[in-house]
Amino acid sequence: MLDFIYYPVSFILWCWHWVFGHVFGDASAVSWALGIVFLVFTLRGILYKPTVKQVRSMRKMQEFAPEIKKLQAKYKNDKQKLQQEMAKLQQQHGVNPLGGCLPMLLQIPVFLGLFHVLREFKPGKTMNYFFDEQGVASYIDADLFGARLGNWITQPAVELANFDVSRGAIIAVAVPLMIAASILTHLTARHSVARQNPEQATPQTAIMNKLTLYMFPLGVLIGGFFFPIGLLLYWLSNNGWTLAQQHFVYRKIDAEEAEKKAVVIEKRSALAPKPGQKPVQKKGPTPAKPVEKTDTADTADTAAETGADSTEPPAANGTSGTEIPGLISDRSRKKSGRKNR
């Protein structure tokens, strides 16, 4: 029914076992343990980019947490309207709440697939998806400090007899793995809760924080009694990867945000006046002076009169030809004398 999950999971495990089998041997428990660990690293590496998007989405939601608080206070009695307004607000800020759940949701089928594949390594089986009879026998014979990777603490005694192992050997190997996986689950949840914005906290958030901090690690510890040792290795390596990835991704995002803030501060300081310097006011363009218009007719008359005066010939006696009021010129005297004769 779920072969589309079982076959890819078994194929990735087969590839890594083939790689480490050339180093430590096919029947070595170290080869199988490293194969399971690197199966986790392969899948988590594929989910790295969606995980980074999830973290960025959570950081964006923290930025507009005050707006969420206002909506919750405004529509506290109308949950349907609150959901609509929340969806609009998330759309405005480009946040997809389902995108944050994607990495976690994709890990669930992988966990179930690996759980089924490891449980199918049973004595007498000739095939287990991508593993042939030799591969099945190699897994069954892999000895890890007296226990087999396919054993679990509450396994029936009849099945333990088929593996030829004691329950005490299984407990000695499984319990430390259970405790380590539980501690890493708590540390991962604690690191995630510490990054939350207090302004965004709600009663539901407080309940979820308690579940992730205490109930989930307790669930890993109790579930370890029913999980095969190989699956405990998967859980341990998966939580170890998650914790390391959180530190790396958060530091990277914090450095990016600090760089952006530094650029903004640098621009502001460059535009701001230096200490002791008076602010300089920008002067606008000086208006052009209006040109005084003169009457062209007056100008022409003046030029004509000036030209007439300047072109008048000088008098014969060497005096100027300009008439002086009250005096009679020599020409007028001569004309009058001729008329009298």
C-alpha atoms as a PDB file:
ATOM      1  CA  MET A   1       0.000   0.000   0.000  1.00  0.00           C
ATOM      2  CA  LEU A   2       2.788   2.424   0.923  1.00  0.00           C
ATOM      3  CA  ASP A   3       5.392   0.930  -1.400  1.00  0.00           C
ATOM      4  CA  PHE A   4       5.962   4.377  -2.938  1.00  0.00           C
ATOM      5  CA  ILE A   5       7.477   5.300   0.456  1.00  0.00           C
ATOM      6  CA  TYR A   6       9.132   1.984   1.365  1.00  0.00           C
ATOM      7  CA  TYR A   7      11.068   1.568  -1.874  1.00  0.00           C
ATOM      8  CA  PRO A   8      12.755   5.029  -1.904  1.00  0.00           C
ATOM      9  CA  VAL A   9      13.673   4.721   1.789  1.00  0.00           C
ATOM     10  CA  SER A  10      15.107   1.237   1.342  1.00  0.00           C
ATOM     11  CA  PHE A  11      16.993   2.342  -1.790  1.00  0.00           C
ATOM     12  CA  ILE A  12      18.740   5.228   0.003  1.00  0.00           C
ATOM     13  CA  LEU A  13      19.613   2.886   2.889  1.00  0.00           C
ATOM     14  CA  TRP A  14      20.912   0.307   0.417  1.00  0.00           C
ATOM     15  CA  CYS A  15      23.163   2.900  -1.273  1.00  0.00           C
ATOM     16  CA  TRP A  16      24.780   4.060   1.962  1.00  0.00           C
ATOM     17  CA  HIS A  17      25.193   0.506   3.237  1.00  0.00           C
ATOM     18  CA  TRP A  18      26.898  -0.376  -0.044  1.00  0.00           C
ATOM     19  CA  VAL A  19      29.319   2.562   0.441  1.00  0.00           C
ATOM     20  CA  PHE A  20      30.232   1.817   4.063  1.00  0.00           C
ATOM     21  CA  GLY A  21      30.148  -1.939   3.460  1.00  0.00           C
ATOM     22  CA  HIS A  22      33.243  -1.554   1.306  1.00  0.00           C
ATOM     23  CA  VAL A  23      35.017   0.015   4.264  1.00  0.00           C
ATOM     24  CA  PHE A  24      33.790  -1.897   7.336  1.00  0.00           C
ATOM     25  CA  GLY A  25      32.272  -5.001   5.741  1.00  0.00           C
ATOM     26  CA  ASP A  26      28.719  -5.870   4.703  1.00  0.00           C
ATOM     27  CA  ALA A  27      27.799  -7.661   7.940  1.00  0.00           C
ATOM     28  CA  SER A  28      29.327  -4.984  10.189  1.00  0.00           C
ATOM     29  CA  ALA A  29      26.919  -3.160  12.498  1.00  0.00           C
ATOM     30  CA  VAL A  30      28.983  -0.013  11.926  1.00  0.00           C
ATOM     31  CA  SER A  31      28.156  -0.113   8.197  1.00  0.00           C
ATOM     32  CA  TRP A  32      24.444  -0.433   8.932  1.00  0.00           C
ATOM     33  CA  ALA A  33      24.481   2.213  11.669  1.00  0.00           C
ATOM     34  CA  LEU A  34      26.284   4.715   9.402  1.00  0.00           C
ATOM     35  CA  GLY A  35      23.929   3.817   6.583  1.00  0.00           C
ATOM     36  CA  ILE A  36      20.939   4.764   8.768  1.00  0.00           C
ATOM     37  CA  VAL A  37      22.629   7.970   9.945  1.00  0.00           C
ATOM     38  CA  PHE A  38      23.481   9.073   6.414  1.00  0.00           C
ATOM     39  CA  LEU A  39      19.981   8.178   5.283  1.00  0.00           C
ATOM     40  CA  VAL A  40      18.835  10.869   7.724  1.00  0.00           C
ATOM     41  CA  PHE A  41      21.469  13.320   6.481  1.00  0.00           C
ATOM     42  CA  THR A  42      20.401  12.747   2.864  1.00  0.00           C
ATOM     43  CA  LEU A  43      16.733  13.386   3.548  1.00  0.00           C
ATOM     44  CA  ARG A  44      17.406  16.393   5.793  1.00  0.00           C
ATOM     45  CA  GLY A  45      19.760  17.823   3.186  1.00  0.00           C
ATOM     46  CA  ILE A  46      16.925  17.644   0.639  1.00  0.00           C
ATOM     47  CA  LEU A  47      14.658  19.440   3.111  1.00  0.00           C
ATOM     48  CA  TYR A  48      17.233  22.138   3.949  1.00  0.00           C
ATOM     49  CA  LYS A  49      15.796  24.895   1.716  1.00  0.00           C
ATOM     50  CA  PRO A  50      12.184  24.353   2.854  1.00  0.00           C
ATOM     51  CA  THR A  51      13.452  24.471   6.435  1.00  0.00           C
ATOM     52  CA  VAL A  52      15.196  27.813   5.849  1.00  0.00           C
ATOM     53  CA  LYS A  53      11.988  29.175   4.303  1.00  0.00           C
ATOM     54  CA  GLN A  54      10.134  27.972   7.370  1.00  0.00           C
ATOM     55  CA  VAL A  55      12.498  29.877   9.683  1.00  0.00           C
ATOM     56  CA  ARG A  56      12.236  33.048   7.585  1.00  0.00           C
ATOM     57  CA  SER A  57       8.457  32.755   7.599  1.00  0.00           C
ATOM     58  CA  MET A  58       8.464  32.494  11.388  1.00  0.00           C
ATOM     59  CA  ARG A  59      10.693  35.568  11.654  1.00  0.00           C
ATOM     60  CA  LYS A  60       8.335  37.558   9.435  1.00  0.00           C
ATOM     61  CA  MET A  61       5.408  36.551  11.606  1.00  0.00           C
ATOM     62  CA  GLN A  62       7.287  37.836  14.646  1.00  0.00           C
ATOM     63  CA  GLU A  63       7.736  41.207  12.934  1.00  0.00           C
ATOM     64  CA  PHE A  64       4.005  41.839  12.610  1.00  0.00           C
ATOM     65  CA  ALA A  65       3.115  40.208  15.942  1.00  0.00           C
ATOM     66  CA  PRO A  66       1.661  43.496  17.312  1.00  0.00           C
ATOM     67  CA  GLU A  67      -0.792  43.587  14.399  1.00  0.00           C
ATOM     68  CA  ILE A  68      -1.823  40.017  15.195  1.00  0.00           C
ATOM     69  CA  LYS A  69      -2.440  41.037  18.805  1.00  0.00           C
ATOM     70  CA  LYS A  70      -4.704  43.862  17.666  1.00  0.00           C
ATOM     71  CA  LEU A  71      -6.699  41.525  15.444  1.00  0.00           C
ATOM     72  CA  GLN A  72      -7.063  39.012  18.268  1.00  0.00           C
ATOM     73  CA  ALA A  73      -8.341  41.719  20.599  1.00  0.00           C
ATOM     74  CA  LYS A  74     -10.669  43.182  17.957  1.00  0.00           C
ATOM     75  CA  TYR A  75     -12.256  39.896  16.832  1.00  0.00           C
ATOM     76  CA  LYS A  76     -11.964  37.857  20.019  1.00  0.00           C
ATOM     77  CA  ASN A  77     -15.651  36.958  19.812  1.00  0.00           C
ATOM     78  CA  ASP A  78     -15.675  36.234  16.070  1.00  0.00           C
ATOM     79  CA  LYS A  79     -13.244  33.436  15.238  1.00  0.00           C
ATOM     80  CA  GLN A  80     -14.288  33.202  11.611  1.00  0.00           C
ATOM     81  CA  LYS A  81     -13.640  36.891  11.005  1.00  0.00           C
ATOM     82  CA  LEU A  82     -10.349  36.599  12.900  1.00  0.00           C
ATOM     83  CA  GLN A  83      -9.183  33.797  10.618  1.00  0.00           C
ATOM     84  CA  GLN A  84     -10.114  35.825   7.544  1.00  0.00           C
ATOM     85  CA  GLU A  85      -8.246  38.898   8.751  1.00  0.00           C
ATOM     86  CA  MET A  86      -5.252  36.790   9.765  1.00  0.00           C
ATOM     87  CA  ALA A  87      -5.158  35.255   6.293  1.00  0.00           C
ATOM     88  CA  LYS A  88      -5.236  38.733   4.716  1.00  0.00           C
ATOM     89  CA  LEU A  89      -2.441  39.940   6.996  1.00  0.00           C
ATOM     90  CA  GLN A  90      -0.280  36.924   6.207  1.00  0.00           C
ATOM     91  CA  GLN A  91      -0.894  37.409   2.506  1.00  0.00           C
ATOM     92  CA  GLN A  92       0.131  41.066   2.718  1.00  0.00           C
ATOM     93  CA  HIS A  93       3.427  40.133   4.380  1.00  0.00           C
ATOM     94  CA  GLY A  94       4.041  37.170   2.067  1.00  0.00           C
ATOM     95  CA  VAL A  95       3.852  34.533   4.798  1.00  0.00           C
ATOM     96  CA  ASN A  96       2.531  31.034   4.145  1.00  0.00           C
ATOM     97  CA  PRO A  97       1.723  29.256   7.428  1.00  0.00           C
ATOM     98  CA  LEU A  98       1.482  25.870   5.692  1.00  0.00           C
ATOM     99  CA  GLY A  99       5.013  26.291   4.337  1.00  0.00           C
ATOM    100  CA  GLY A 100       6.357  26.216   7.887  1.00  0.00           C
ATOM    101  CA  CYS A 101       4.831  22.775   8.477  1.00  0.00           C
ATOM    102  CA  LEU A 102       6.162  21.260   5.249  1.00  0.00           C
ATOM    103  CA  PRO A 103       9.553  19.977   6.527  1.00  0.00           C
ATOM    104  CA  MET A 104       7.954  18.359   9.557  1.00  0.00           C
ATOM    105  CA  LEU A 105       5.162  16.794   7.514  1.00  0.00           C
ATOM    106  CA  LEU A 106       7.617  15.310   5.006  1.00  0.00           C
ATOM    107  CA  GLN A 107       9.583  13.627   7.803  1.00  0.00           C
ATOM    108  CA  ILE A 108       6.564  11.649   9.005  1.00  0.00           C
ATOM    109  CA  PRO A 109       6.315   9.304   5.985  1.00  0.00           C
ATOM    110  CA  VAL A 110      10.093   8.825   6.063  1.00  0.00           C
ATOM    111  CA  PHE A 111       9.942   7.822   9.719  1.00  0.00           C
ATOM    112  CA  LEU A 112       7.070   5.407   9.070  1.00  0.00           C
ATOM    113  CA  GLY A 113       8.812   4.016   5.989  1.00  0.00           C
ATOM    114  CA  LEU A 114      12.076   3.353   7.804  1.00  0.00           C
ATOM    115  CA  PHE A 115      10.177   1.852  10.753  1.00  0.00           C
ATOM    116  CA  HIS A 116       8.472  -0.619   8.417  1.00  0.00           C
ATOM    117  CA  VAL A 117      11.626  -1.470   6.442  1.00  0.00           C
ATOM    118  CA  LEU A 118      13.660  -2.204   9.588  1.00  0.00           C
ATOM    119  CA  ARG A 119      10.871  -4.318  11.047  1.00  0.00           C
ATOM    120  CA  GLU A 120      10.839  -6.406   7.862  1.00  0.00           C
ATOM    121  CA  PHE A 121      14.419  -7.589   8.375  1.00  0.00           C
ATOM    122  CA  LYS A 122      13.364 -10.958   9.782  1.00  0.00           C
ATOM    123  CA  PRO A 123      15.059 -14.349   9.784  1.00  0.00           C
ATOM    124  CA  GLY A 124      13.934 -16.502   6.868  1.00  0.00           C
ATOM    125  CA  LYS A 125      13.000 -13.603   4.544  1.00  0.00           C
ATOM    126  CA  THR A 126      14.550 -13.645   1.098  1.00  0.00           C
ATOM    127  CA  MET A 127      13.797 -10.036   0.116  1.00  0.00           C
ATOM    128  CA  ASN A 128      13.065  -6.704   1.758  1.00  0.00           C
ATOM    129  CA  TYR A 129      12.241  -4.197  -0.972  1.00  0.00           C
ATOM    130  CA  PHE A 130      15.646  -3.186  -2.442  1.00  0.00           C
ATOM    131  CA  PHE A 131      17.553  -5.719  -0.312  1.00  0.00           C
ATOM    132  CA  ASP A 132      18.018  -9.270  -1.548  1.00  0.00           C
ATOM    133  CA  GLU A 133      18.493 -12.370   0.599  1.00  0.00           C
ATOM    134  CA  GLN A 134      22.156 -11.586   1.217  1.00  0.00           C
ATOM    135  CA  GLY A 135      21.286  -8.066   2.337  1.00  0.00           C
ATOM    136  CA  VAL A 136      18.617  -9.317   4.735  1.00  0.00           C
ATOM    137  CA  ALA A 137      21.037 -11.840   6.246  1.00  0.00           C
ATOM    138  CA  SER A 138      23.691  -9.121   6.540  1.00  0.00           C
ATOM    139  CA  TYR A 139      21.354  -6.907   8.595  1.00  0.00           C
ATOM    140  CA  ILE A 140      20.213  -9.776  10.844  1.00  0.00           C
ATOM    141  CA  ASP A 141      23.784 -10.854  11.609  1.00  0.00           C
ATOM    142  CA  ALA A 142      25.013  -7.291  12.335  1.00  0.00           C
ATOM    143  CA  ASP A 143      26.056  -7.330  16.007  1.00  0.00           C
ATOM    144  CA  LEU A 144      26.085  -4.061  17.966  1.00  0.00           C
ATOM    145  CA  PHE A 145      27.513  -4.776  21.425  1.00  0.00           C
ATOM    146  CA  GLY A 146      25.646  -8.083  21.633  1.00  0.00           C
ATOM    147  CA  ALA A 147      22.335  -6.795  20.193  1.00  0.00           C
ATOM    148  CA  ARG A 148      20.890  -6.665  16.686  1.00  0.00           C
ATOM    149  CA  LEU A 149      19.693  -3.508  14.957  1.00  0.00           C
ATOM    150  CA  GLY A 150      16.270  -5.072  14.436  1.00  0.00           C
ATOM    151  CA  ASN A 151      15.693  -5.851  18.137  1.00  0.00           C
ATOM    152  CA  TRP A 152      13.699  -3.774  20.615  1.00  0.00           C
ATOM    153  CA  ILE A 153      13.266  -4.001  24.362  1.00  0.00           C
ATOM    154  CA  THR A 154       9.678  -5.294  24.443  1.00  0.00           C
ATOM    155  CA  GLN A 155      10.255  -7.801  21.659  1.00  0.00           C
ATOM    156  CA  PRO A 156       8.668 -11.215  22.378  1.00  0.00           C
ATOM    157  CA  ALA A 157      11.009 -13.849  23.780  1.00  0.00           C
ATOM    158  CA  VAL A 158      10.281 -16.202  20.872  1.00  0.00           C
ATOM    159  CA  GLU A 159      11.607 -13.687  18.377  1.00  0.00           C
ATOM    160  CA  LEU A 160      14.624 -12.953  20.550  1.00  0.00           C
ATOM    161  CA  ALA A 161      15.433 -16.650  20.463  1.00  0.00           C
ATOM    162  CA  ASN A 162      15.528 -16.527  16.664  1.00  0.00           C
ATOM    163  CA  PHE A 163      18.088 -13.724  16.826  1.00  0.00           C
ATOM    164  CA  ASP A 164      20.030 -15.522  19.589  1.00  0.00           C
ATOM    165  CA  VAL A 165      20.325 -12.395  21.758  1.00  0.00           C
ATOM    166  CA  SER A 166      19.422 -11.604  25.359  1.00  0.00           C
ATOM    167  CA  ARG A 167      17.061  -8.886  26.488  1.00  0.00           C
ATOM    168  CA  GLY A 168      19.741  -7.489  28.792  1.00  0.00           C
ATOM    169  CA  ALA A 169      22.044  -6.831  25.827  1.00  0.00           C
ATOM    170  CA  ILE A 170      19.239  -5.004  24.033  1.00  0.00           C
ATOM    171  CA  ILE A 171      18.519  -2.847  27.096  1.00  0.00           C
ATOM    172  CA  ALA A 172      22.201  -1.995  27.462  1.00  0.00           C
ATOM    173  CA  VAL A 173      22.301  -0.675  23.901  1.00  0.00           C
ATOM    174  CA  ALA A 174      18.794   0.784  23.558  1.00  0.00           C
ATOM    175  CA  VAL A 175      18.452   2.714  26.836  1.00  0.00           C
ATOM    176  CA  PRO A 176      21.456   5.058  26.264  1.00  0.00           C
ATOM    177  CA  LEU A 177      20.157   5.760  22.754  1.00  0.00           C
ATOM    178  CA  MET A 178      16.675   6.473  24.150  1.00  0.00           C
ATOM    179  CA  ILE A 179      18.034   8.888  26.756  1.00  0.00           C
ATOM    180  CA  ALA A 180      20.285  10.683  24.251  1.00  0.00           C
ATOM    181  CA  ALA A 181      17.447  11.016  21.723  1.00  0.00           C
ATOM    182  CA  SER A 182      15.116  12.343  24.433  1.00  0.00           C
ATOM    183  CA  ILE A 183      17.661  14.920  25.613  1.00  0.00           C
ATOM    184  CA  LEU A 184      18.301  16.131  22.056  1.00  0.00           C
ATOM    185  CA  THR A 185      14.533  16.442  21.503  1.00  0.00           C
ATOM    186  CA  HIS A 186      14.280  18.635  24.605  1.00  0.00           C
ATOM    187  CA  LEU A 187      17.274  20.783  23.616  1.00  0.00           C
ATOM    188  CA  THR A 188      15.896  21.267  20.104  1.00  0.00           C
ATOM    189  CA  ALA A 189      12.515  22.357  21.452  1.00  0.00           C
ATOM    190  CA  ARG A 190      14.154  24.609  24.044  1.00  0.00           C
ATOM    191  CA  HIS A 191      16.259  26.359  21.427  1.00  0.00           C
ATOM    192  CA  SER A 192      13.195  26.893  19.236  1.00  0.00           C
ATOM    193  CA  VAL A 193      11.073  28.248  22.112  1.00  0.00           C
ATOM    194  CA  ALA A 194      13.844  30.663  23.122  1.00  0.00           C
ATOM    195  CA  ARG A 195      13.631  32.272  19.668  1.00  0.00           C
ATOM    196  CA  GLN A 196       9.930  33.045  19.959  1.00  0.00           C
ATOM    197  CA  ASN A 197       8.667  36.612  20.246  1.00  0.00           C
ATOM    198  CA  PRO A 198       7.013  37.224  23.677  1.00  0.00           C
ATOM    199  CA  GLU A 199       4.563  39.668  22.040  1.00  0.00           C
ATOM    200  CA  GLN A 200       3.245  36.824  19.903  1.00  0.00           C
ATOM    201  CA  ALA A 201       2.620  34.505  22.862  1.00  0.00           C
ATOM    202  CA  THR A 202      -0.912  33.215  23.371  1.00  0.00           C
ATOM    203  CA  PRO A 203      -2.409  30.634  25.752  1.00  0.00           C
ATOM    204  CA  GLN A 204      -2.296  28.096  22.924  1.00  0.00           C
ATOM    205  CA  THR A 205       1.383  28.901  22.331  1.00  0.00           C
ATOM    206  CA  ALA A 206       2.176  28.298  26.004  1.00  0.00           C
ATOM    207  CA  ILE A 207       0.477  24.895  25.859  1.00  0.00           C
ATOM    208  CA  MET A 208       2.371  23.916  22.706  1.00  0.00           C
ATOM    209  CA  ASN A 209       5.655  25.007  24.253  1.00  0.00           C
ATOM    210  CA  LYS A 210       5.079  22.747  27.241  1.00  0.00           C
ATOM    211  CA  LEU A 211       4.240  19.850  24.950  1.00  0.00           C
ATOM    212  CA  THR A 212       7.370  20.274  22.856  1.00  0.00           C
ATOM    213  CA  LEU A 213       9.614  20.877  25.866  1.00  0.00           C
ATOM    214  CA  TYR A 214       8.481  17.988  28.053  1.00  0.00           C
ATOM    215  CA  MET A 215       5.844  15.728  26.490  1.00  0.00           C
ATOM    216  CA  PHE A 216       7.651  15.088  23.193  1.00  0.00           C
ATOM    217  CA  PRO A 217      10.946  14.090  24.878  1.00  0.00           C
ATOM    218  CA  LEU A 218       8.967  11.900  27.259  1.00  0.00           C
ATOM    219  CA  GLY A 219       7.205  10.331  24.270  1.00  0.00           C
ATOM    220  CA  VAL A 220      10.578   9.523  22.674  1.00  0.00           C
ATOM    221  CA  LEU A 221      11.745   7.953  25.918  1.00  0.00           C
ATOM    222  CA  ILE A 222       8.635   5.791  26.284  1.00  0.00           C
ATOM    223  CA  GLY A 223       8.460   4.961  22.578  1.00  0.00           C
ATOM    224  CA  GLY A 224      12.030   3.699  22.728  1.00  0.00           C
ATOM    225  CA  PHE A 225      10.764   0.540  24.438  1.00  0.00           C
ATOM    226  CA  PHE A 226       8.894  -0.354  21.234  1.00  0.00           C
ATOM    227  CA  PHE A 227      11.316   0.975  18.585  1.00  0.00           C
ATOM    228  CA  PRO A 228      14.053  -1.172  17.018  1.00  0.00           C
ATOM    229  CA  ILE A 229      17.607  -0.106  17.784  1.00  0.00           C
ATOM    230  CA  GLY A 230      18.049   0.937  14.157  1.00  0.00           C
ATOM    231  CA  LEU A 231      15.084   3.309  14.462  1.00  0.00           C
ATOM    232  CA  LEU A 232      16.535   4.768  17.672  1.00  0.00           C
ATOM    233  CA  LEU A 233      19.682   5.533  15.686  1.00  0.00           C
ATOM    234  CA  TYR A 234      17.493   7.300  13.125  1.00  0.00           C
ATOM    235  CA  TRP A 235      15.751   9.328  15.850  1.00  0.00           C
ATOM    236  CA  LEU A 236      19.025  10.248  17.523  1.00  0.00           C
ATOM    237  CA  SER A 237      20.734  11.372  14.321  1.00  0.00           C
ATOM    238  CA  ASN A 238      17.610  13.228  13.146  1.00  0.00           C
ATOM    239  CA  ASN A 239      17.385  15.252  16.376  1.00  0.00           C
ATOM    240  CA  GLY A 240      21.118  15.897  16.329  1.00  0.00           C
ATOM    241  CA  TRP A 241      20.844  17.237  12.773  1.00  0.00           C
ATOM    242  CA  THR A 242      17.865  19.416  13.727  1.00  0.00           C
ATOM    243  CA  LEU A 243      19.685  20.985  16.677  1.00  0.00           C
ATOM    244  CA  ALA A 244      22.848  21.697  14.657  1.00  0.00           C
ATOM    245  CA  GLN A 245      20.814  23.045  11.727  1.00  0.00           C
ATOM    246  CA  GLN A 246      18.865  25.405  13.978  1.00  0.00           C
ATOM    247  CA  HIS A 247      22.068  26.939  15.332  1.00  0.00           C
ATOM    248  CA  PHE A 248      23.510  27.314  11.834  1.00  0.00           C
ATOM    249  CA  VAL A 249      20.374  28.735  10.182  1.00  0.00           C
ATOM    250  CA  TYR A 250      19.547  31.142  13.011  1.00  0.00           C
ATOM    251  CA  ARG A 251      23.090  32.483  13.067  1.00  0.00           C
ATOM    252  CA  LYS A 252      22.999  32.972   9.311  1.00  0.00           C
ATOM    253  CA  ILE A 253      19.684  34.823   9.409  1.00  0.00           C
ATOM    254  CA  ASP A 254      20.793  36.931  12.396  1.00  0.00           C
ATOM    255  CA  ALA A 255      23.960  37.914  10.525  1.00  0.00           C
ATOM    256  CA  GLU A 256      21.919  38.906   7.451  1.00  0.00           C
ATOM    257  CA  GLU A 257      19.558  41.041   9.516  1.00  0.00           C
ATOM    258  CA  ALA A 258      22.454  42.664  11.396  1.00  0.00           C
ATOM    259  CA  GLU A 259      24.101  43.498   8.063  1.00  0.00           C
ATOM    260  CA  LYS A 260      20.898  45.071   6.743  1.00  0.00           C
ATOM    261  CA  LYS A 261      20.550  47.173   9.907  1.00  0.00           C
ATOM    262  CA  ALA A 262      24.183  48.267   9.654  1.00  0.00           C
ATOM    263  CA  VAL A 263      23.630  49.413   6.049  1.00  0.00           C
ATOM    264  CA  VAL A 264      20.556  51.428   7.068  1.00  0.00           C
ATOM    265  CA  ILE A 265      22.401  53.037   9.992  1.00  0.00           C
ATOM    266  CA  GLU A 266      25.359  53.856   7.761  1.00  0.00           C
ATOM    267  CA  LYS A 267      23.100  55.595   5.237  1.00  0.00           C
ATOM    268  CA  ARG A 268      21.416  57.608   7.967  1.00  0.00           C
ATOM    269  CA  SER A 269      24.740  58.648   9.487  1.00  0.00           C
ATOM    270  CA  ALA A 270      26.045  59.691   6.056  1.00  0.00           C
ATOM    271  CA  LEU A 271      23.038  61.945   5.480  1.00  0.00           C
ATOM    272  CA  ALA A 272      22.985  63.383   9.007  1.00  0.00           C
ATOM    273  CA  PRO A 273      25.083  66.548   9.776  1.00  0.00           C
ATOM    274  CA  LYS A 274      28.350  66.030  11.605  1.00  0.00           C
ATOM    275  CA  PRO A 275      28.656  67.120  15.268  1.00  0.00           C
ATOM    276  CA  GLY A 276      29.146  70.916  15.489  1.00  0.00           C
ATOM    277  CA  GLN A 277      28.225  71.451  11.852  1.00  0.00           C
ATOM    278  CA  LYS A 278      25.365  73.796  11.049  1.00  0.00           C
ATOM    279  CA  PRO A 279      22.756  72.321   8.786  1.00  0.00           C
ATOM    280  CA  VAL A 280      23.110  73.655   5.271  1.00  0.00           C
ATOM    281  CA  GLN A 281      19.954  74.861   3.603  1.00  0.00           C
ATOM    282  CA  LYS A 282      19.765  74.269  -0.078  1.00  0.00           C
ATOM    283  CA  LYS A 283      19.351  77.505  -2.078  1.00  0.00           C
ATOM    284  CA  GLY A 284      16.841  77.539  -4.839  1.00  0.00           C
ATOM    285  CA  PRO A 285      17.638  78.900  -8.333  1.00  0.00           C
ATOM    286  CA  THR A 286      17.862  82.727  -8.521  1.00  0.00           C
ATOM    287  CA  PRO A 287      14.939  84.219 -10.496  1.00  0.00           C
ATOM    288  CA  ALA A 288      15.815  85.948 -13.744  1.00  0.00           C
ATOM    289  CA  LYS A 289      15.622  89.772 -13.725  1.00  0.00           C
ATOM    290  CA  PRO A 290      12.735  91.220 -15.790  1.00  0.00           C
ATOM    291  CA  VAL A 291      13.828  92.965 -18.983  1.00  0.00           C
ATOM    292  CA  GLU A 292      12.640  96.621 -19.210  1.00  0.00           C
ATOM    293  CA  LYS A 293      10.643  97.138 -22.379  1.00  0.00           C
ATOM    294  CA  THR A 294      10.993 100.541 -24.191  1.00  0.00           C
ATOM    295  CA  ASP A 295       8.666 102.084 -26.701  1.00  0.00           C
ATOM    296  CA  THR A 296      10.055 101.398 -30.154  1.00  0.00           C
ATOM    297  CA  ALA A 297       8.424 104.503 -31.598  1.00  0.00           C
ATOM    298  CA  ASP A 298      10.072 106.815 -29.058  1.00  0.00           C
ATOM    299  CA  THR A 299      13.354 105.105 -29.684  1.00  0.00           C
ATOM    300  CA  ALA A 300      13.000 105.617 -33.433  1.00  0.00           C
ATOM    301  CA  ASP A 301      12.095 109.335 -33.055  1.00  0.00           C
ATOM    302  CA  THR A 302      15.019 109.933 -30.782  1.00  0.00           C
ATOM    303  CA  ALA A 303      17.340 108.239 -33.210  1.00  0.00           C
ATOM    304  CA  ALA A 304      15.964 110.353 -36.110  1.00  0.00           C
ATOM    305  CA  GLU A 305      16.401 113.647 -34.272  1.00  0.00           C
ATOM    306  CA  THR A 306      19.887 112.667 -33.237  1.00  0.00           C
ATOM    307  CA  GLY A 307      20.697 111.750 -36.810  1.00  0.00           C
ATOM    308  CA  ALA A 308      19.334 115.089 -38.156  1.00  0.00           C
ATOM    309  CA  ASP A 309      21.353 117.149 -35.735  1.00  0.00           C
ATOM    310  CA  SER A 310      24.456 115.253 -36.446  1.00  0.00           C
ATOM    311  CA  THR A 311      24.126 115.575 -40.234  1.00  0.00           C
ATOM    312  CA  GLU A 312      23.518 119.363 -40.319  1.00  0.00           C
ATOM    313  CA  PRO A 313      26.523 121.140 -42.012  1.00  0.00           C
ATOM    314  CA  PRO A 314      28.485 123.690 -40.052  1.00  0.00           C
ATOM    315  CA  ALA A 315      28.011 127.428 -40.637  1.00  0.00           C
ATOM    316  CA  ALA A 316      30.226 129.373 -43.041  1.00  0.00           C
ATOM    317  CA  ASN A 317      31.736 131.457 -40.326  1.00  0.00           C
ATOM    318  CA  GLY A 318      32.845 128.370 -38.577  1.00  0.00           C
ATOM    319  CA  THR A 319      30.098 128.437 -36.000  1.00  0.00           C
ATOM    320  CA  SER A 320      27.716 125.722 -35.436  1.00  0.00           C
ATOM    321  CA  GLY A 321      24.495 125.551 -37.462  1.00  0.00           C
ATOM    322  CA  THR A 322      22.329 125.195 -34.425  1.00  0.00           C
ATOM    323  CA  GLU A 323      19.901 128.121 -33.983  1.00  0.00           C
ATOM    324  CA  ILE A 324      19.898 129.952 -30.692  1.00  0.00           C
ATOM    325  CA  PRO A 325      16.548 131.332 -29.585  1.00  0.00           C
ATOM    326  CA  GLY A 326      16.314 135.161 -29.866  1.00  0.00           C
ATOM    327  CA  LEU A 327      19.045 135.473 -32.481  1.00  0.00           C
ATOM    328  CA  ILE A 328      18.630 135.662 -36.259  1.00  0.00           C
ATOM    329  CA  SER A 329      20.965 133.651 -38.321  1.00  0.00           C
ATOM    330  CA  ASP A 330      23.055 135.138 -41.165  1.00  0.00           C
ATOM    331  CA  ARG A 331      21.038 133.277 -43.834  1.00  0.00           C
ATOM    332  CA  SER A 332      17.801 134.804 -42.750  1.00  0.00           C
ATOM    333  CA  ARG A 333      19.367 138.298 -42.810  1.00  0.00           C
ATOM    334  CA  LYS A 334      20.539 137.844 -46.414  1.00  0.00           C
ATOM    335  CA  LYS A 335      17.113 136.626 -47.549  1.00  0.00           C
ATOM    336  CA  SER A 336      15.364 139.564 -45.942  1.00  0.00           C
ATOM    337  CA  GLY A 337      17.816 142.062 -47.493  1.00  0.00           C
ATOM    338  CA  ARG A 338      17.133 140.730 -51.026  1.00  0.00           C
ATOM    339  CA  LYS A 339      13.410 141.130 -50.567  1.00  0.00           C
ATOM    340  CA  ASN A 340      13.738 144.771 -49.470  1.00  0.00           C
ATOM    341  CA  ARG A 341      15.690 145.602 -52.632  1.00  0.00           C
END
